[in-house]
Amino acid sequence: MALKLKRVLESRGVSLKEYSCLLGISEKTLYNKLMGFTEFTIGEFQKLKTVLPEYDVLYLISQDMERDSA
Protein backbone atom coordinates (compact mmCIF):
# COMPACT_ATOMS: atom_id res chain seq x y z
CA MET A 1 0.00 0.00 0.00
CA ALA A 2 1.15 3.50 -0.79
CA LEU A 3 0.02 4.96 2.52
CA LYS A 4 3.08 7.23 2.66
CA LEU A 5 1.87 8.99 -0.47
CA LYS A 6 -1.61 9.38 0.97
CA ARG A 7 -0.25 10.83 4.22
CA VAL A 8 2.07 13.27 2.43
CA LEU A 9 -0.73 14.48 0.15
CA GLU A 10 -3.02 14.97 3.14
CA SER A 11 -0.31 16.86 5.04
CA ARG A 12 -0.04 19.22 2.06
CA GLY A 13 -3.81 19.74 1.97
CA VAL A 14 -4.18 17.87 -1.32
CA SER A 15 -7.26 15.68 -1.33
CA LEU A 16 -7.34 12.36 -3.12
CA LYS A 17 -10.03 13.82 -5.37
CA GLU A 18 -7.73 16.71 -6.34
CA TYR A 19 -4.81 14.36 -6.91
CA SER A 20 -6.89 11.97 -9.02
CA CYS A 21 -7.99 14.94 -11.16
CA LEU A 22 -4.36 15.99 -11.60
CA LEU A 23 -3.50 12.46 -12.76
CA GLY A 24 -6.57 12.31 -15.00
CA ILE A 25 -7.92 9.19 -13.31
CA SER A 26 -10.96 8.42 -11.19
CA GLU A 27 -10.83 8.39 -7.41
CA LYS A 28 -11.53 4.64 -7.52
CA THR A 29 -8.54 4.08 -9.81
CA LEU A 30 -6.34 6.14 -7.49
CA TYR A 31 -7.61 4.12 -4.52
CA ASN A 32 -6.70 0.90 -6.35
CA LYS A 33 -3.20 2.24 -6.98
CA LEU A 34 -2.76 3.33 -3.37
CA MET A 35 -3.92 -0.07 -2.14
CA GLY A 36 -1.54 -1.88 -4.51
CA PHE A 37 -4.23 -3.47 -6.66
CA THR A 38 -2.92 -1.71 -9.77
CA GLU A 39 0.40 -0.05 -10.54
CA PHE A 40 1.20 3.58 -11.19
CA THR A 41 2.22 4.42 -14.76
CA ILE A 42 5.42 6.22 -15.71
CA GLY A 43 3.38 9.32 -16.55
CA GLU A 44 1.79 9.23 -13.12
CA PHE A 45 5.25 8.95 -11.54
CA GLN A 46 6.32 12.03 -13.49
CA LYS A 47 3.27 14.00 -12.33
CA LEU A 48 3.89 12.89 -8.77
CA LYS A 49 7.43 14.23 -9.02
CA THR A 50 6.10 17.63 -10.11
CA VAL A 51 3.68 17.78 -7.17
CA LEU A 52 6.17 16.54 -4.55
CA PRO A 53 9.64 17.24 -6.01
CA GLU A 54 11.40 16.92 -2.66
CA TYR A 55 10.32 13.28 -2.24
CA ASP A 56 11.67 10.15 -3.84
CA VAL A 57 8.78 8.64 -5.81
CA LEU A 58 9.77 5.07 -4.95
CA TYR A 59 9.71 5.96 -1.26
CA LEU A 60 6.20 7.40 -1.55
CA ILE A 61 4.75 4.34 -3.24
CA SER A 62 6.71 1.71 -1.32
CA GLN A 63 4.94 -0.40 1.24
CA ASP A 64 4.70 1.01 4.70
CA MET A 65 6.09 -1.98 6.62
CA GLU A 66 5.22 -0.58 10.05
CA ARG A 67 1.57 -0.23 9.17
CA ASP A 68 1.38 -3.40 7.03
CA SER A 69 2.76 -5.60 9.80
CA ALA A 70 0.41 -4.23 12.47
PDB file of N, CA and C in Angstrom:
ATOM      1  N   MET A   1       0.827  -1.192   0.000  1.00  0.00           N
ATOM      2  CA  MET A   1       0.000   0.000   0.000  1.00  0.00           C
ATOM      3  C   MET A   1       0.869   1.253   0.000  1.00  0.00           C
ATOM      4  N   ALA A   2       0.407   2.231  -0.687  1.00  0.00           N
ATOM      5  CA  ALA A   2       1.145   3.497  -0.785  1.00  0.00           C
ATOM      6  C   ALA A   2       0.602   4.500   0.224  1.00  0.00           C
ATOM      7  N   LEU A   3       0.565   4.091   1.486  1.00  0.00           N
ATOM      8  CA  LEU A   3       0.017   4.958   2.522  1.00  0.00           C
ATOM      9  C   LEU A   3       0.895   6.179   2.771  1.00  0.00           C
ATOM     10  N   LYS A   4       2.190   6.069   2.501  1.00  0.00           N
ATOM     11  CA  LYS A   4       3.080   7.226   2.661  1.00  0.00           C
ATOM     12  C   LYS A   4       2.627   8.345   1.733  1.00  0.00           C
ATOM     13  N   LEU A   5       2.336   8.000   0.504  1.00  0.00           N
ATOM     14  CA  LEU A   5       1.874   8.988  -0.472  1.00  0.00           C
ATOM     15  C   LEU A   5       0.589   9.637   0.016  1.00  0.00           C
ATOM     16  N   LYS A   6      -0.344   8.845   0.483  1.00  0.00           N
ATOM     17  CA  LYS A   6      -1.611   9.376   0.970  1.00  0.00           C
ATOM     18  C   LYS A   6      -1.380  10.335   2.131  1.00  0.00           C
ATOM     19  N   ARG A   7      -0.525   9.968   3.069  1.00  0.00           N
ATOM     20  CA  ARG A   7      -0.253  10.828   4.219  1.00  0.00           C
ATOM     21  C   ARG A   7       0.424  12.134   3.811  1.00  0.00           C
ATOM     22  N   VAL A   8       1.369  12.056   2.877  1.00  0.00           N
ATOM     23  CA  VAL A   8       2.069  13.268   2.427  1.00  0.00           C
ATOM     24  C   VAL A   8       1.098  14.201   1.715  1.00  0.00           C
ATOM     25  N   LEU A   9       0.260  13.654   0.849  1.00  0.00           N
ATOM     26  CA  LEU A   9      -0.727  14.482   0.154  1.00  0.00           C
ATOM     27  C   LEU A   9      -1.646  15.170   1.162  1.00  0.00           C
ATOM     28  N   GLU A  10      -2.126  14.401   2.128  1.00  0.00           N
ATOM     29  CA  GLU A  10      -3.023  14.972   3.137  1.00  0.00           C
ATOM     30  C   GLU A  10      -2.327  16.058   3.947  1.00  0.00           C
ATOM     31  N   SER A  11      -1.042  15.849   4.265  1.00  0.00           N
ATOM     32  CA  SER A  11      -0.311  16.857   5.040  1.00  0.00           C
ATOM     33  C   SER A  11      -0.127  18.148   4.253  1.00  0.00           C
ATOM     34  N   ARG A  12      -0.158  18.045   2.937  1.00  0.00           N
ATOM     35  CA  ARG A  12      -0.041  19.219   2.059  1.00  0.00           C
ATOM     36  C   ARG A  12      -1.394  19.841   1.756  1.00  0.00           C
ATOM     37  N   GLY A  13      -2.472  19.231   2.246  1.00  0.00           N
ATOM     38  CA  GLY A  13      -3.807  19.743   1.974  1.00  0.00           C
ATOM     39  C   GLY A  13      -4.326  19.373   0.604  1.00  0.00           C
ATOM     40  N   VAL A  14      -3.740  18.339  -0.006  1.00  0.00           N
ATOM     41  CA  VAL A  14      -4.178  17.869  -1.317  1.00  0.00           C
ATOM     42  C   VAL A  14      -5.079  16.663  -1.102  1.00  0.00           C
ATOM     43  N   SER A  15      -6.337  16.789  -1.493  1.00  0.00           N
ATOM     44  CA  SER A  15      -7.264  15.675  -1.327  1.00  0.00           C
ATOM     45  C   SER A  15      -7.008  14.614  -2.395  1.00  0.00           C
ATOM     46  N   LEU A  16      -7.481  13.421  -2.124  1.00  0.00           N
ATOM     47  CA  LEU A  16      -7.343  12.355  -3.119  1.00  0.00           C
ATOM     48  C   LEU A  16      -8.142  12.692  -4.380  1.00  0.00           C
ATOM     49  N   LYS A  17      -9.239  13.399  -4.208  1.00  0.00           N
ATOM     50  CA  LYS A  17     -10.033  13.824  -5.367  1.00  0.00           C
ATOM     51  C   LYS A  17      -9.217  14.783  -6.233  1.00  0.00           C
ATOM     52  N   GLU A  18      -8.561  15.754  -5.600  1.00  0.00           N
ATOM     53  CA  GLU A  18      -7.732  16.706  -6.344  1.00  0.00           C
ATOM     54  C   GLU A  18      -6.578  15.994  -7.044  1.00  0.00           C
ATOM     55  N   TYR A  19      -5.952  15.068  -6.324  1.00  0.00           N
ATOM     56  CA  TYR A  19      -4.813  14.361  -6.905  1.00  0.00           C
ATOM     57  C   TYR A  19      -5.252  13.464  -8.050  1.00  0.00           C
ATOM     58  N   SER A  20      -6.408  12.813  -7.923  1.00  0.00           N
ATOM     59  CA  SER A  20      -6.886  11.970  -9.017  1.00  0.00           C
ATOM     60  C   SER A  20      -7.202  12.818 -10.248  1.00  0.00           C
ATOM     61  N   CYS A  21      -7.722  14.033 -10.039  1.00  0.00           N
ATOM     62  CA  CYS A  21      -7.985  14.941 -11.163  1.00  0.00           C
ATOM     63  C   CYS A  21      -6.681  15.341 -11.844  1.00  0.00           C
ATOM     64  N   LEU A  22      -5.661  15.630 -11.055  1.00  0.00           N
ATOM     65  CA  LEU A  22      -4.360  15.986 -11.604  1.00  0.00           C
ATOM     66  C   LEU A  22      -3.813  14.849 -12.471  1.00  0.00           C
ATOM     67  N   LEU A  23      -3.992  13.616 -12.013  1.00  0.00           N
ATOM     68  CA  LEU A  23      -3.501  12.458 -12.763  1.00  0.00           C
ATOM     69  C   LEU A  23      -4.397  12.119 -13.955  1.00  0.00           C
ATOM     70  N   GLY A  24      -5.628  12.626 -13.933  1.00  0.00           N
ATOM     71  CA  GLY A  24      -6.567  12.314 -15.003  1.00  0.00           C
ATOM     72  C   GLY A  24      -7.170  10.930 -14.853  1.00  0.00           C
ATOM     73  N   ILE A  25      -7.335  10.498 -13.590  1.00  0.00           N
ATOM     74  CA  ILE A  25      -7.923   9.189 -13.312  1.00  0.00           C
ATOM     75  C   ILE A  25      -9.043   9.368 -12.297  1.00  0.00           C
ATOM     76  N   SER A  26      -9.871   8.345 -12.154  1.00  0.00           N
ATOM     77  CA  SER A  26     -10.956   8.417 -11.187  1.00  0.00           C
ATOM     78  C   SER A  26     -10.419   8.206  -9.774  1.00  0.00           C
ATOM     79  N   GLU A  27     -11.216   8.614  -8.801  1.00  0.00           N
ATOM     80  CA  GLU A  27     -10.825   8.385  -7.405  1.00  0.00           C
ATOM     81  C   GLU A  27     -10.706   6.893  -7.118  1.00  0.00           C
ATOM     82  N   LYS A  28     -11.569   6.091  -7.709  1.00  0.00           N
ATOM     83  CA  LYS A  28     -11.529   4.641  -7.523  1.00  0.00           C
ATOM     84  C   LYS A  28     -10.220   4.074  -8.068  1.00  0.00           C
ATOM     85  N   THR A  29      -9.792   4.544  -9.229  1.00  0.00           N
ATOM     86  CA  THR A  29      -8.536   4.085  -9.810  1.00  0.00           C
ATOM     87  C   THR A  29      -7.364   4.485  -8.924  1.00  0.00           C
ATOM     88  N   LEU A  30      -7.392   5.704  -8.399  1.00  0.00           N
ATOM     89  CA  LEU A  30      -6.339   6.142  -7.488  1.00  0.00           C
ATOM     90  C   LEU A  30      -6.336   5.270  -6.232  1.00  0.00           C
ATOM     91  N   TYR A  31      -7.508   4.991  -5.696  1.00  0.00           N
ATOM     92  CA  TYR A  31      -7.607   4.121  -4.522  1.00  0.00           C
ATOM     93  C   TYR A  31      -6.968   2.760  -4.810  1.00  0.00           C
ATOM     94  N   ASN A  32      -7.276   2.195  -5.979  1.00  0.00           N
ATOM     95  CA  ASN A  32      -6.705   0.897  -6.352  1.00  0.00           C
ATOM     96  C   ASN A  32      -5.181   0.964  -6.436  1.00  0.00           C
ATOM     97  N   LYS A  33      -4.665   2.070  -6.903  1.00  0.00           N
ATOM     98  CA  LYS A  33      -3.205   2.238  -6.985  1.00  0.00           C
ATOM     99  C   LYS A  33      -2.607   2.377  -5.587  1.00  0.00           C
ATOM    100  N   LEU A  34      -3.250   3.147  -4.736  1.00  0.00           N
ATOM    101  CA  LEU A  34      -2.757   3.328  -3.374  1.00  0.00           C
ATOM    102  C   LEU A  34      -2.788   2.025  -2.583  1.00  0.00           C
ATOM    103  N   MET A  35      -3.777   1.198  -2.849  1.00  0.00           N
ATOM    104  CA  MET A  35      -3.915  -0.068  -2.141  1.00  0.00           C
ATOM    105  C   MET A  35      -3.048  -1.174  -2.745  1.00  0.00           C
ATOM    106  N   GLY A  36      -2.420  -0.898  -3.888  1.00  0.00           N
ATOM    107  CA  GLY A  36      -1.540  -1.875  -4.506  1.00  0.00           C
ATOM    108  C   GLY A  36      -2.240  -2.850  -5.431  1.00  0.00           C
ATOM    109  N   PHE A  37      -3.501  -2.590  -5.747  1.00  0.00           N
ATOM    110  CA  PHE A  37      -4.232  -3.474  -6.658  1.00  0.00           C
ATOM    111  C   PHE A  37      -3.799  -3.271  -8.109  1.00  0.00           C
ATOM    112  N   THR A  38      -3.448  -2.033  -8.440  1.00  0.00           N
ATOM    113  CA  THR A  38      -2.922  -1.713  -9.769  1.00  0.00           C
ATOM    114  C   THR A  38      -1.682  -0.846  -9.594  1.00  0.00           C
ATOM    115  N   GLU A  39      -0.857  -0.782 -10.622  1.00  0.00           N
ATOM    116  CA  GLU A  39       0.398  -0.047 -10.536  1.00  0.00           C
ATOM    117  C   GLU A  39       0.255   1.360 -11.106  1.00  0.00           C
ATOM    118  N   PHE A  40       1.108   2.244 -10.621  1.00  0.00           N
ATOM    119  CA  PHE A  40       1.201   3.583 -11.188  1.00  0.00           C
ATOM    120  C   PHE A  40       1.931   3.501 -12.526  1.00  0.00           C
ATOM    121  N   THR A  41       1.552   4.362 -13.466  1.00  0.00           N
ATOM    122  CA  THR A  41       2.224   4.417 -14.762  1.00  0.00           C
ATOM    123  C   THR A  41       3.430   5.361 -14.674  1.00  0.00           C
ATOM    124  N   ILE A  42       4.265   5.316 -15.668  1.00  0.00           N
ATOM    125  CA  ILE A  42       5.417   6.215 -15.711  1.00  0.00           C
ATOM    126  C   ILE A  42       4.947   7.672 -15.736  1.00  0.00           C
ATOM    127  N   GLY A  43       3.920   7.958 -16.497  1.00  0.00           N
ATOM    128  CA  GLY A  43       3.380   9.317 -16.551  1.00  0.00           C
ATOM    129  C   GLY A  43       2.875   9.790 -15.198  1.00  0.00           C
ATOM    130  N   GLU A  44       2.268   8.877 -14.454  1.00  0.00           N
ATOM    131  CA  GLU A  44       1.790   9.230 -13.118  1.00  0.00           C
ATOM    132  C   GLU A  44       2.958   9.478 -12.176  1.00  0.00           C
ATOM    133  N   PHE A  45       4.037   8.700 -12.320  1.00  0.00           N
ATOM    134  CA  PHE A  45       5.252   8.949 -11.545  1.00  0.00           C
ATOM    135  C   PHE A  45       5.786  10.345 -11.837  1.00  0.00           C
ATOM    136  N   GLN A  46       5.792  10.719 -13.107  1.00  0.00           N
ATOM    137  CA  GLN A  46       6.317  12.028 -13.490  1.00  0.00           C
ATOM    138  C   GLN A  46       5.466  13.148 -12.898  1.00  0.00           C
ATOM    139  N   LYS A  47       4.147  12.988 -12.920  1.00  0.00           N
ATOM    140  CA  LYS A  47       3.267  14.002 -12.333  1.00  0.00           C
ATOM    141  C   LYS A  47       3.445  14.066 -10.824  1.00  0.00           C
ATOM    142  N   LEU A  48       3.653  12.915 -10.207  1.00  0.00           N
ATOM    143  CA  LEU A  48       3.894  12.888  -8.772  1.00  0.00           C
ATOM    144  C   LEU A  48       5.151  13.680  -8.430  1.00  0.00           C
ATOM    145  N   LYS A  49       6.167  13.523  -9.247  1.00  0.00           N
ATOM    146  CA  LYS A  49       7.431  14.231  -9.018  1.00  0.00           C
ATOM    147  C   LYS A  49       7.243  15.747  -9.148  1.00  0.00           C
ATOM    148  N   THR A  50       6.334  16.193  -9.992  1.00  0.00           N
ATOM    149  CA  THR A  50       6.099  17.634 -10.114  1.00  0.00           C
ATOM    150  C   THR A  50       5.331  18.173  -8.915  1.00  0.00           C
ATOM    151  N   VAL A  51       4.469  17.351  -8.318  1.00  0.00           N
ATOM    152  CA  VAL A  51       3.677  17.779  -7.170  1.00  0.00           C
ATOM    153  C   VAL A  51       4.513  17.746  -5.893  1.00  0.00           C
ATOM    154  N   LEU A  52       5.359  16.723  -5.762  1.00  0.00           N
ATOM    155  CA  LEU A  52       6.175  16.539  -4.554  1.00  0.00           C
ATOM    156  C   LEU A  52       7.639  16.352  -4.944  1.00  0.00           C
ATOM    157  N   PRO A  53       8.285  17.394  -5.478  1.00  0.00           N
ATOM    158  CA  PRO A  53       9.640  17.237  -6.010  1.00  0.00           C
ATOM    159  C   PRO A  53      10.688  16.880  -4.957  1.00  0.00           C
ATOM    160  N   GLU A  54      10.415  17.190  -3.701  1.00  0.00           N
ATOM    161  CA  GLU A  54      11.400  16.919  -2.662  1.00  0.00           C
ATOM    162  C   GLU A  54      11.394  15.467  -2.182  1.00  0.00           C
ATOM    163  N   TYR A  55      10.422  14.680  -2.647  1.00  0.00           N
ATOM    164  CA  TYR A  55      10.321  13.279  -2.236  1.00  0.00           C
ATOM    165  C   TYR A  55      10.785  12.338  -3.336  1.00  0.00           C
ATOM    166  N   ASP A  56      11.344  11.231  -2.922  1.00  0.00           N
ATOM    167  CA  ASP A  56      11.670  10.151  -3.840  1.00  0.00           C
ATOM    168  C   ASP A  56      10.377   9.395  -4.138  1.00  0.00           C
ATOM    169  N   VAL A  57      10.025   9.272  -5.409  1.00  0.00           N
ATOM    170  CA  VAL A  57       8.775   8.638  -5.808  1.00  0.00           C
ATOM    171  C   VAL A  57       8.699   7.199  -5.296  1.00  0.00           C
ATOM    172  N   LEU A  58       9.784   6.462  -5.400  1.00  0.00           N
ATOM    173  CA  LEU A  58       9.767   5.069  -4.946  1.00  0.00           C
ATOM    174  C   LEU A  58       9.504   4.973  -3.447  1.00  0.00           C
ATOM    175  N   TYR A  59      10.007   5.927  -2.697  1.00  0.00           N
ATOM    176  CA  TYR A  59       9.715   5.963  -1.257  1.00  0.00           C
ATOM    177  C   TYR A  59       8.218   6.152  -1.030  1.00  0.00           C
ATOM    178  N   LEU A  60       7.613   7.084  -1.760  1.00  0.00           N
ATOM    179  CA  LEU A  60       6.202   7.395  -1.552  1.00  0.00           C
ATOM    180  C   LEU A  60       5.280   6.236  -1.885  1.00  0.00           C
ATOM    181  N   ILE A  61       5.645   5.429  -2.858  1.00  0.00           N
ATOM    182  CA  ILE A  61       4.755   4.338  -3.245  1.00  0.00           C
ATOM    183  C   ILE A  61       5.173   2.990  -2.666  1.00  0.00           C
ATOM    184  N   SER A  62       6.281   2.970  -1.921  1.00  0.00           N
ATOM    185  CA  SER A  62       6.707   1.713  -1.321  1.00  0.00           C
ATOM    186  C   SER A  62       5.780   1.336  -0.173  1.00  0.00           C
ATOM    187  N   GLN A  63       5.779   0.064   0.146  1.00  0.00           N
ATOM    188  CA  GLN A  63       4.936  -0.402   1.238  1.00  0.00           C
ATOM    189  C   GLN A  63       5.393   0.190   2.553  1.00  0.00           C
ATOM    190  N   ASP A  64       4.447   0.494   3.363  1.00  0.00           N
ATOM    191  CA  ASP A  64       4.703   1.008   4.701  1.00  0.00           C
ATOM    192  C   ASP A  64       4.744  -0.195   5.633  1.00  0.00           C
ATOM    193  N   MET A  65       5.931  -0.724   5.883  1.00  0.00           N
ATOM    194  CA  MET A  65       6.090  -1.978   6.616  1.00  0.00           C
ATOM    195  C   MET A  65       5.568  -1.877   8.052  1.00  0.00           C
ATOM    196  N   GLU A  66       5.715  -0.731   8.684  1.00  0.00           N
ATOM    197  CA  GLU A  66       5.224  -0.577  10.048  1.00  0.00           C
ATOM    198  C   GLU A  66       3.727  -0.741  10.114  1.00  0.00           C
ATOM    199  N   ARG A  67       3.025  -0.140   9.182  1.00  0.00           N
ATOM    200  CA  ARG A  67       1.568  -0.231   9.166  1.00  0.00           C
ATOM    201  C   ARG A  67       1.114  -1.589   8.661  1.00  0.00           C
ATOM    202  N   ASP A  68       1.789  -2.142   7.626  1.00  0.00           N
ATOM    203  CA  ASP A  68       1.376  -3.402   7.034  1.00  0.00           C
ATOM    204  C   ASP A  68       1.535  -4.561   7.998  1.00  0.00           C
ATOM    205  N   SER A  69       2.512  -4.491   8.896  1.00  0.00           N
ATOM    206  CA  SER A  69       2.760  -5.601   9.803  1.00  0.00           C
ATOM    207  C   SER A  69       1.885  -5.513  11.063  1.00  0.00           C
ATOM    208  N   ALA A  70       1.239  -4.393  11.266  1.00  0.00           N
ATOM    209  CA  ALA A  70       0.408  -4.232  12.467  1.00  0.00           C
ATOM    210  C   ALA A  70      -0.920  -4.932  12.327  1.00  0.00           C
TER     211      ALA A  70
END
